[in-house]
């Protein structure tokens, strides 16, 4: 089995895919396999449940005004670590 990586966002990649599909679509022994990230459906996620919960908690904290404002000139002082 040979693997060819094609960047379909480039002009050359688009042209190659168009040519490939025109010549080899339906030919036995040749199959286009999508990368794993393109095979994900809406129900599956690349994120762990712990990460999703942390993001949701952070969004909730922001809505409730429970945030820390950092002063870029004094980050440690902003965190109360001085």
PDB file of N, CA and C in Angstrom:
ATOM      1  N   UNK A   1       0.849  -1.167   0.000  1.00  0.00           N
ATOM      2  CA  UNK A   1       0.000   0.000   0.000  1.00  0.00           C
ATOM      3  C   UNK A   1       0.901   1.238   0.000  1.00  0.00           C
ATOM      4  N   UNK A   2       0.573   2.204  -0.812  1.00  0.00           N
ATOM      5  CA  UNK A   2       1.291   3.466  -0.895  1.00  0.00           C
ATOM      6  C   UNK A   2       0.381   4.581  -0.421  1.00  0.00           C
ATOM      7  N   UNK A   3       0.941   5.509   0.334  1.00  0.00           N
ATOM      8  CA  UNK A   3       0.180   6.644   0.819  1.00  0.00           C
ATOM      9  C   UNK A   3       0.711   7.911   0.170  1.00  0.00           C
ATOM     10  N   UNK A   4      -0.177   8.728  -0.329  1.00  0.00           N
ATOM     11  CA  UNK A   4       0.194  10.013  -0.916  1.00  0.00           C
ATOM     12  C   UNK A   4      -0.551  11.093  -0.144  1.00  0.00           C
ATOM     13  N   UNK A   5       0.179  12.079   0.368  1.00  0.00           N
ATOM     14  CA  UNK A   5      -0.460  13.193   1.060  1.00  0.00           C
ATOM     15  C   UNK A   5      -0.654  14.327   0.060  1.00  0.00           C
ATOM     16  N   UNK A   6      -1.880  14.825  -0.014  1.00  0.00           N
ATOM     17  CA  UNK A   6      -2.219  15.888  -0.954  1.00  0.00           C
ATOM     18  C   UNK A   6      -2.879  17.018  -0.180  1.00  0.00           C
ATOM     19  N   UNK A   7      -2.333  18.211  -0.327  1.00  0.00           N
ATOM     20  CA  UNK A   7      -2.950  19.375   0.304  1.00  0.00           C
ATOM     21  C   UNK A   7      -4.004  19.900  -0.667  1.00  0.00           C
ATOM     22  N   UNK A   8      -5.255  19.582  -0.377  1.00  0.00           N
ATOM     23  CA  UNK A   8      -6.348  19.949  -1.283  1.00  0.00           C
ATOM     24  C   UNK A   8      -6.689  21.429  -1.226  1.00  0.00           C
ATOM     25  N   UNK A   9      -5.998  22.186  -0.383  1.00  0.00           N
ATOM     26  CA  UNK A   9      -6.224  23.630  -0.322  1.00  0.00           C
ATOM     27  C   UNK A   9      -5.400  24.374  -1.363  1.00  0.00           C
ATOM     28  N   UNK A  10      -4.394  23.700  -1.896  1.00  0.00           N
ATOM     29  CA  UNK A  10      -3.537  24.355  -2.887  1.00  0.00           C
ATOM     30  C   UNK A  10      -4.092  24.145  -4.291  1.00  0.00           C
ATOM     31  N   UNK A  11      -3.655  24.990  -5.203  1.00  0.00           N
ATOM     32  CA  UNK A  11      -4.092  24.893  -6.598  1.00  0.00           C
ATOM     33  C   UNK A  11      -3.665  23.553  -7.189  1.00  0.00           C
ATOM     34  N   UNK A  12      -2.423  23.161  -6.904  1.00  0.00           N
ATOM     35  CA  UNK A  12      -1.900  21.903  -7.429  1.00  0.00           C
ATOM     36  C   UNK A  12      -2.650  20.715  -6.831  1.00  0.00           C
ATOM     37  N   UNK A  13      -2.922  20.768  -5.529  1.00  0.00           N
ATOM     38  CA  UNK A  13      -3.643  19.688  -4.874  1.00  0.00           C
ATOM     39  C   UNK A  13      -5.049  19.522  -5.426  1.00  0.00           C
ATOM     40  N   UNK A  14      -5.724  20.640  -5.666  1.00  0.00           N
ATOM     41  CA  UNK A  14      -7.072  20.593  -6.240  1.00  0.00           C
ATOM     42  C   UNK A  14      -7.040  20.006  -7.641  1.00  0.00           C
ATOM     43  N   UNK A  15      -6.056  20.414  -8.428  1.00  0.00           N
ATOM     44  CA  UNK A  15      -5.932  19.908  -9.801  1.00  0.00           C
ATOM     45  C   UNK A  15      -5.645  18.415  -9.796  1.00  0.00           C
ATOM     46  N   UNK A  16      -4.744  17.978  -8.906  1.00  0.00           N
ATOM     47  CA  UNK A  16      -4.419  16.557  -8.827  1.00  0.00           C
ATOM     48  C   UNK A  16      -5.650  15.737  -8.467  1.00  0.00           C
ATOM     49  N   UNK A  17      -6.420  16.189  -7.462  1.00  0.00           N
ATOM     50  CA  UNK A  17      -7.603  15.448  -7.049  1.00  0.00           C
ATOM     51  C   UNK A  17      -8.644  15.386  -8.158  1.00  0.00           C
ATOM     52  N   UNK A  18      -8.810  16.484  -8.881  1.00  0.00           N
ATOM     53  CA  UNK A  18      -9.767  16.490  -9.997  1.00  0.00           C
ATOM     54  C   UNK A  18      -9.341  15.483 -11.064  1.00  0.00           C
ATOM     55  N   UNK A  19      -8.042  15.469 -11.393  1.00  0.00           N
ATOM     56  CA  UNK A  19      -7.535  14.530 -12.395  1.00  0.00           C
ATOM     57  C   UNK A  19      -7.670  13.094 -11.893  1.00  0.00           C
ATOM     58  N   UNK A  20      -7.289  12.872 -10.643  1.00  0.00           N
ATOM     59  CA  UNK A  20      -7.351  11.533 -10.065  1.00  0.00           C
ATOM     60  C   UNK A  20      -8.771  10.989 -10.100  1.00  0.00           C
ATOM     61  N   UNK A  21      -9.725  11.812  -9.654  1.00  0.00           N
ATOM     62  CA  UNK A  21     -11.113  11.363  -9.629  1.00  0.00           C
ATOM     63  C   UNK A  21     -11.638  11.102 -11.044  1.00  0.00           C
ATOM     64  N   UNK A  22     -11.220  11.917 -12.008  1.00  0.00           N
ATOM     65  CA  UNK A  22     -11.670  11.733 -13.390  1.00  0.00           C
ATOM     66  C   UNK A  22     -11.158  10.419 -13.983  1.00  0.00           C
ATOM     67  N   UNK A  23      -9.914  10.069 -13.684  1.00  0.00           N
ATOM     68  CA  UNK A  23      -9.315   8.882 -14.290  1.00  0.00           C
ATOM     69  C   UNK A  23      -9.557   7.596 -13.516  1.00  0.00           C
ATOM     70  N   UNK A  24      -9.648   7.683 -12.192  1.00  0.00           N
ATOM     71  CA  UNK A  24      -9.639   6.460 -11.400  1.00  0.00           C
ATOM     72  C   UNK A  24     -10.890   6.203 -10.578  1.00  0.00           C
ATOM     73  N   UNK A  25     -11.917   7.014 -10.705  1.00  0.00           N
ATOM     74  CA  UNK A  25     -13.133   6.804  -9.924  1.00  0.00           C
ATOM     75  C   UNK A  25     -13.784   5.488 -10.351  1.00  0.00           C
ATOM     76  N   UNK A  26     -14.033   4.617  -9.379  1.00  0.00           N
ATOM     77  CA  UNK A  26     -14.688   3.343  -9.647  1.00  0.00           C
ATOM     78  C   UNK A  26     -13.765   2.238 -10.116  1.00  0.00           C
ATOM     79  N   UNK A  27     -12.469   2.488 -10.153  1.00  0.00           N
ATOM     80  CA  UNK A  27     -11.519   1.470 -10.585  1.00  0.00           C
ATOM     81  C   UNK A  27     -11.218   0.564  -9.398  1.00  0.00           C
ATOM     82  N   UNK A  28     -11.280  -0.762  -9.626  1.00  0.00           N
ATOM     83  CA  UNK A  28     -10.974  -1.709  -8.552  1.00  0.00           C
ATOM     84  C   UNK A  28      -9.511  -1.589  -8.147  1.00  0.00           C
ATOM     85  N   UNK A  29      -9.268  -1.643  -6.843  1.00  0.00           N
ATOM     86  CA  UNK A  29      -7.909  -1.604  -6.322  1.00  0.00           C
ATOM     87  C   UNK A  29      -7.409  -0.218  -5.982  1.00  0.00           C
ATOM     88  N   UNK A  30      -8.167   0.820  -6.303  1.00  0.00           N
ATOM     89  CA  UNK A  30      -7.776   2.187  -5.966  1.00  0.00           C
ATOM     90  C   UNK A  30      -8.913   2.816  -5.176  1.00  0.00           C
ATOM     91  N   UNK A  31      -8.567   3.352  -4.027  1.00  0.00           N
ATOM     92  CA  UNK A  31      -9.572   3.928  -3.145  1.00  0.00           C
ATOM     93  C   UNK A  31      -9.020   5.211  -2.517  1.00  0.00           C
ATOM     94  N   UNK A  32      -9.855   6.233  -2.466  1.00  0.00           N
ATOM     95  CA  UNK A  32      -9.480   7.468  -1.779  1.00  0.00           C
ATOM     96  C   UNK A  32      -9.923   7.323  -0.328  1.00  0.00           C
ATOM     97  N   UNK A  33      -8.963   7.418   0.591  1.00  0.00           N
ATOM     98  CA  UNK A  33      -9.252   7.306   2.019  1.00  0.00           C
ATOM     99  C   UNK A  33      -9.042   8.674   2.631  1.00  0.00           C
ATOM    100  N   UNK A  34     -10.091   9.206   3.248  1.00  0.00           N
ATOM    101  CA  UNK A  34     -10.019  10.529   3.871  1.00  0.00           C
ATOM    102  C   UNK A  34      -9.201  10.451   5.152  1.00  0.00           C
ATOM    103  N   UNK A  35      -8.491  11.512   5.510  1.00  0.00           N
ATOM    104  CA  UNK A  35      -7.768  11.534   6.787  1.00  0.00           C
ATOM    105  C   UNK A  35      -8.740  11.378   7.950  1.00  0.00           C
ATOM    106  N   UNK A  36      -8.223  10.893   9.071  1.00  0.00           N
ATOM    107  CA  UNK A  36      -9.065  10.608  10.234  1.00  0.00           C
ATOM    108  C   UNK A  36      -9.846  11.825  10.696  1.00  0.00           C
ATOM    109  N   UNK A  37      -9.234  13.025  10.644  1.00  0.00           N
ATOM    110  CA  UNK A  37      -9.944  14.204  11.122  1.00  0.00           C
ATOM    111  C   UNK A  37     -11.118  14.562  10.227  1.00  0.00           C
ATOM    112  N   UNK A  38     -11.112  14.151   8.984  1.00  0.00           N
ATOM    113  CA  UNK A  38     -12.244  14.422   8.098  1.00  0.00           C
ATOM    114  C   UNK A  38     -13.331  13.363   8.251  1.00  0.00           C
ATOM    115  N   UNK A  39     -13.008  12.236   8.881  1.00  0.00           N
ATOM    116  CA  UNK A  39     -13.989  11.181   9.061  1.00  0.00           C
ATOM    117  C   UNK A  39     -14.828  11.386  10.317  1.00  0.00           C
ATOM    118  N   UNK A  40     -14.468  12.362  11.134  1.00  0.00           N
ATOM    119  CA  UNK A  40     -15.231  12.623  12.353  1.00  0.00           C
ATOM    120  C   UNK A  40     -16.626  13.117  11.999  1.00  0.00           C
ATOM    121  N   UNK A  41     -17.602  12.643  12.721  1.00  0.00           N
ATOM    122  CA  UNK A  41     -18.947  13.169  12.511  1.00  0.00           C
ATOM    123  C   UNK A  41     -19.278  14.133  13.635  1.00  0.00           C
ATOM    124  N   UNK A  42     -20.471  14.688  13.617  1.00  0.00           N
ATOM    125  CA  UNK A  42     -20.856  15.692  14.599  1.00  0.00           C
ATOM    126  C   UNK A  42     -20.878  15.129  16.022  1.00  0.00           C
ATOM    127  N   UNK A  43     -21.166  13.852  16.182  1.00  0.00           N
ATOM    128  CA  UNK A  43     -21.297  13.279  17.512  1.00  0.00           C
ATOM    129  C   UNK A  43     -19.940  12.987  18.144  1.00  0.00           C
ATOM    130  N   UNK A  44     -18.932  12.721  17.339  1.00  0.00           N
ATOM    131  CA  UNK A  44     -17.622  12.435  17.915  1.00  0.00           C
ATOM    132  C   UNK A  44     -16.841  13.737  18.041  1.00  0.00           C
ATOM    133  N   UNK A  45     -15.850  13.735  18.915  1.00  0.00           N
ATOM    134  CA  UNK A  45     -15.094  14.944  19.168  1.00  0.00           C
ATOM    135  C   UNK A  45     -13.629  14.593  19.329  1.00  0.00           C
ATOM    136  N   UNK A  46     -12.774  15.525  18.930  1.00  0.00           N
ATOM    137  CA  UNK A  46     -11.344  15.317  19.119  1.00  0.00           C
ATOM    138  C   UNK A  46     -10.928  15.747  20.514  1.00  0.00           C
ATOM    139  N   UNK A  47     -11.842  16.336  21.277  1.00  0.00           N
ATOM    140  CA  UNK A  47     -11.537  16.835  22.612  1.00  0.00           C
ATOM    141  C   UNK A  47     -11.989  15.845  23.680  1.00  0.00           C
ATOM    142  N   UNK A  48     -11.217  15.746  24.756  1.00  0.00           N
ATOM    143  CA  UNK A  48     -11.599  14.881  25.866  1.00  0.00           C
ATOM    144  C   UNK A  48     -12.740  15.524  26.642  1.00  0.00           C
ATOM    145  N   UNK A  49     -13.468  14.713  27.368  1.00  0.00           N
ATOM    146  CA  UNK A  49     -14.600  15.244  28.136  1.00  0.00           C
ATOM    147  C   UNK A  49     -14.113  16.200  29.229  1.00  0.00           C
ATOM    148  N   UNK A  50     -12.913  15.936  29.803  1.00  0.00           N
ATOM    149  CA  UNK A  50     -12.384  16.831  30.830  1.00  0.00           C
ATOM    150  C   UNK A  50     -12.108  18.215  30.243  1.00  0.00           C
ATOM    151  N   UNK A  51     -11.540  18.258  29.044  1.00  0.00           N
ATOM    152  CA  UNK A  51     -11.240  19.537  28.414  1.00  0.00           C
ATOM    153  C   UNK A  51     -12.518  20.308  28.118  1.00  0.00           C
ATOM    154  N   UNK A  52     -13.531  19.622  27.605  1.00  0.00           N
ATOM    155  CA  UNK A  52     -14.808  20.265  27.293  1.00  0.00           C
ATOM    156  C   UNK A  52     -15.419  20.849  28.564  1.00  0.00           C
ATOM    157  N   UNK A  53     -15.351  20.109  29.668  1.00  0.00           N
ATOM    158  CA  UNK A  53     -15.891  20.606  30.933  1.00  0.00           C
ATOM    159  C   UNK A  53     -15.142  21.844  31.411  1.00  0.00           C
ATOM    160  N   UNK A  54     -13.812  21.861  31.268  1.00  0.00           N
ATOM    161  CA  UNK A  54     -13.020  23.026  31.670  1.00  0.00           C
ATOM    162  C   UNK A  54     -13.405  24.258  30.858  1.00  0.00           C
ATOM    163  N   UNK A  55     -13.608  24.074  29.554  1.00  0.00           N
ATOM    164  CA  UNK A  55     -13.992  25.199  28.696  1.00  0.00           C
ATOM    165  C   UNK A  55     -15.369  25.709  29.084  1.00  0.00           C
ATOM    166  N   UNK A  56     -16.304  24.799  29.321  1.00  0.00           N
ATOM    167  CA  UNK A  56     -17.654  25.209  29.727  1.00  0.00           C
ATOM    168  C   UNK A  56     -17.624  25.950  31.056  1.00  0.00           C
ATOM    169  N   UNK A  57     -16.807  25.465  31.993  1.00  0.00           N
ATOM    170  CA  UNK A  57     -16.684  26.117  33.301  1.00  0.00           C
ATOM    171  C   UNK A  57     -16.091  27.512  33.142  1.00  0.00           C
ATOM    172  N   UNK A  58     -15.079  27.654  32.288  1.00  0.00           N
ATOM    173  CA  UNK A  58     -14.474  28.964  32.037  1.00  0.00           C
ATOM    174  C   UNK A  58     -15.489  29.922  31.423  1.00  0.00           C
ATOM    175  N   UNK A  59     -16.292  29.443  30.469  1.00  0.00           N
ATOM    176  CA  UNK A  59     -17.330  30.288  29.865  1.00  0.00           C
ATOM    177  C   UNK A  59     -18.337  30.738  30.915  1.00  0.00           C
ATOM    178  N   UNK A  60     -18.709  29.836  31.812  1.00  0.00           N
ATOM    179  CA  UNK A  60     -19.651  30.172  32.875  1.00  0.00           C
ATOM    180  C   UNK A  60     -19.049  31.220  33.809  1.00  0.00           C
ATOM    181  N   UNK A  61     -17.771  31.062  34.163  1.00  0.00           N
ATOM    182  CA  UNK A  61     -17.093  32.036  35.024  1.00  0.00           C
ATOM    183  C   UNK A  61     -17.047  33.417  34.376  1.00  0.00           C
ATOM    184  N   UNK A  62     -16.804  33.449  33.079  1.00  0.00           N
ATOM    185  CA  UNK A  62     -16.762  34.737  32.365  1.00  0.00           C
ATOM    186  C   UNK A  62     -18.131  35.396  32.400  1.00  0.00           C
ATOM    187  N   UNK A  63     -19.189  34.622  32.154  1.00  0.00           N
ATOM    188  CA  UNK A  63     -20.548  35.172  32.187  1.00  0.00           C
ATOM    189  C   UNK A  63     -20.901  35.716  33.565  1.00  0.00           C
ATOM    190  N   UNK A  64     -20.391  35.064  34.612  1.00  0.00           N
ATOM    191  CA  UNK A  64     -20.686  35.483  35.988  1.00  0.00           C
ATOM    192  C   UNK A  64     -19.730  36.551  36.490  1.00  0.00           C
ATOM    193  N   UNK A  65     -18.830  37.001  35.657  1.00  0.00           N
ATOM    194  CA  UNK A  65     -17.882  38.035  36.047  1.00  0.00           C
ATOM    195  C   UNK A  65     -16.769  37.539  36.952  1.00  0.00           C
ATOM    196  N   UNK A  66     -16.577  36.259  37.016  1.00  0.00           N
ATOM    197  CA  UNK A  66     -15.549  35.664  37.862  1.00  0.00           C
ATOM    198  C   UNK A  66     -14.261  35.467  37.056  1.00  0.00           C
ATOM    199  N   UNK A  67     -13.628  36.574  36.714  1.00  0.00           N
ATOM    200  CA  UNK A  67     -12.408  36.507  35.929  1.00  0.00           C
ATOM    201  C   UNK A  67     -11.308  37.316  36.606  1.00  0.00           C
ATOM    202  N   UNK A  68     -10.090  37.084  36.195  1.00  0.00           N
ATOM    203  CA  UNK A  68      -8.948  37.828  36.705  1.00  0.00           C
ATOM    204  C   UNK A  68      -8.393  38.670  35.569  1.00  0.00           C
ATOM    205  N   UNK A  69      -8.245  39.963  35.810  1.00  0.00           N
ATOM    206  CA  UNK A  69      -7.670  40.850  34.804  1.00  0.00           C
ATOM    207  C   UNK A  69      -6.179  40.976  35.078  1.00  0.00           C
ATOM    208  N   UNK A  70      -5.382  40.710  34.058  1.00  0.00           N
ATOM    209  CA  UNK A  70      -3.934  40.778  34.194  1.00  0.00           C
ATOM    210  C   UNK A  70      -3.404  42.101  33.667  1.00  0.00           C
ATOM    211  N   UNK A  71      -2.500  42.684  34.414  1.00  0.00           N
ATOM    212  CA  UNK A  71      -1.793  43.876  33.979  1.00  0.00           C
ATOM    213  C   UNK A  71      -0.526  43.390  33.277  1.00  0.00           C
ATOM    214  N   UNK A  72      -0.376  43.628  31.979  1.00  0.00           N
ATOM    215  CA  UNK A  72       0.789  43.106  31.265  1.00  0.00           C
ATOM    216  C   UNK A  72       2.112  43.665  31.781  1.00  0.00           C
ATOM    217  N   UNK A  73       2.072  44.800  32.476  1.00  0.00           N
ATOM    218  CA  UNK A  73       3.300  45.373  33.024  1.00  0.00           C
ATOM    219  C   UNK A  73       3.658  44.763  34.379  1.00  0.00           C
ATOM    220  N   UNK A  74       2.684  44.080  35.024  1.00  0.00           N
ATOM    221  CA  UNK A  74       2.925  43.501  36.347  1.00  0.00           C
ATOM    222  C   UNK A  74       2.062  42.223  36.498  1.00  0.00           C
ATOM    223  N   UNK A  75       2.411  41.198  35.754  1.00  0.00           N
ATOM    224  CA  UNK A  75       1.602  39.978  35.760  1.00  0.00           C
ATOM    225  C   UNK A  75       1.592  39.338  37.142  1.00  0.00           C
ATOM    226  N   UNK A  76       2.755  39.192  37.765  1.00  0.00           N
ATOM    227  CA  UNK A  76       2.822  38.552  39.092  1.00  0.00           C
ATOM    228  C   UNK A  76       2.013  39.341  40.118  1.00  0.00           C
ATOM    229  N   UNK A  77       2.084  40.639  40.043  1.00  0.00           N
ATOM    230  CA  UNK A  77       1.292  41.458  40.953  1.00  0.00           C
ATOM    231  C   UNK A  77      -0.196  41.299  40.710  1.00  0.00           C
ATOM    232  N   UNK A  78      -0.592  41.169  39.440  1.00  0.00           N
ATOM    233  CA  UNK A  78      -2.001  40.973  39.103  1.00  0.00           C
ATOM    234  C   UNK A  78      -2.534  39.682  39.692  1.00  0.00           C
ATOM    235  N   UNK A  79      -1.667  38.687  39.805  1.00  0.00           N
ATOM    236  CA  UNK A  79      -2.082  37.392  40.344  1.00  0.00           C
ATOM    237  C   UNK A  79      -1.952  37.329  41.865  1.00  0.00           C
ATOM    238  N   UNK A  80      -1.440  38.424  42.470  1.00  0.00           N
ATOM    239  CA  UNK A  80      -1.276  38.467  43.916  1.00  0.00           C
ATOM    240  C   UNK A  80      -0.109  37.608  44.386  1.00  0.00           C
ATOM    241  N   UNK A  81       0.896  37.442  43.534  1.00  0.00           N
ATOM    242  CA  UNK A  81       2.024  36.583  43.872  1.00  0.00           C
ATOM    243  C   UNK A  81       3.296  37.365  44.171  1.00  0.00           C
ATOM    244  N   UNK A  82       3.153  38.655  44.440  1.00  0.00           N
ATOM    245  CA  UNK A  82       4.343  39.452  44.761  1.00  0.00           C
ATOM    246  C   UNK A  82       4.516  39.561  46.234  1.00  0.00           C
TER     247      UNK A  82
END
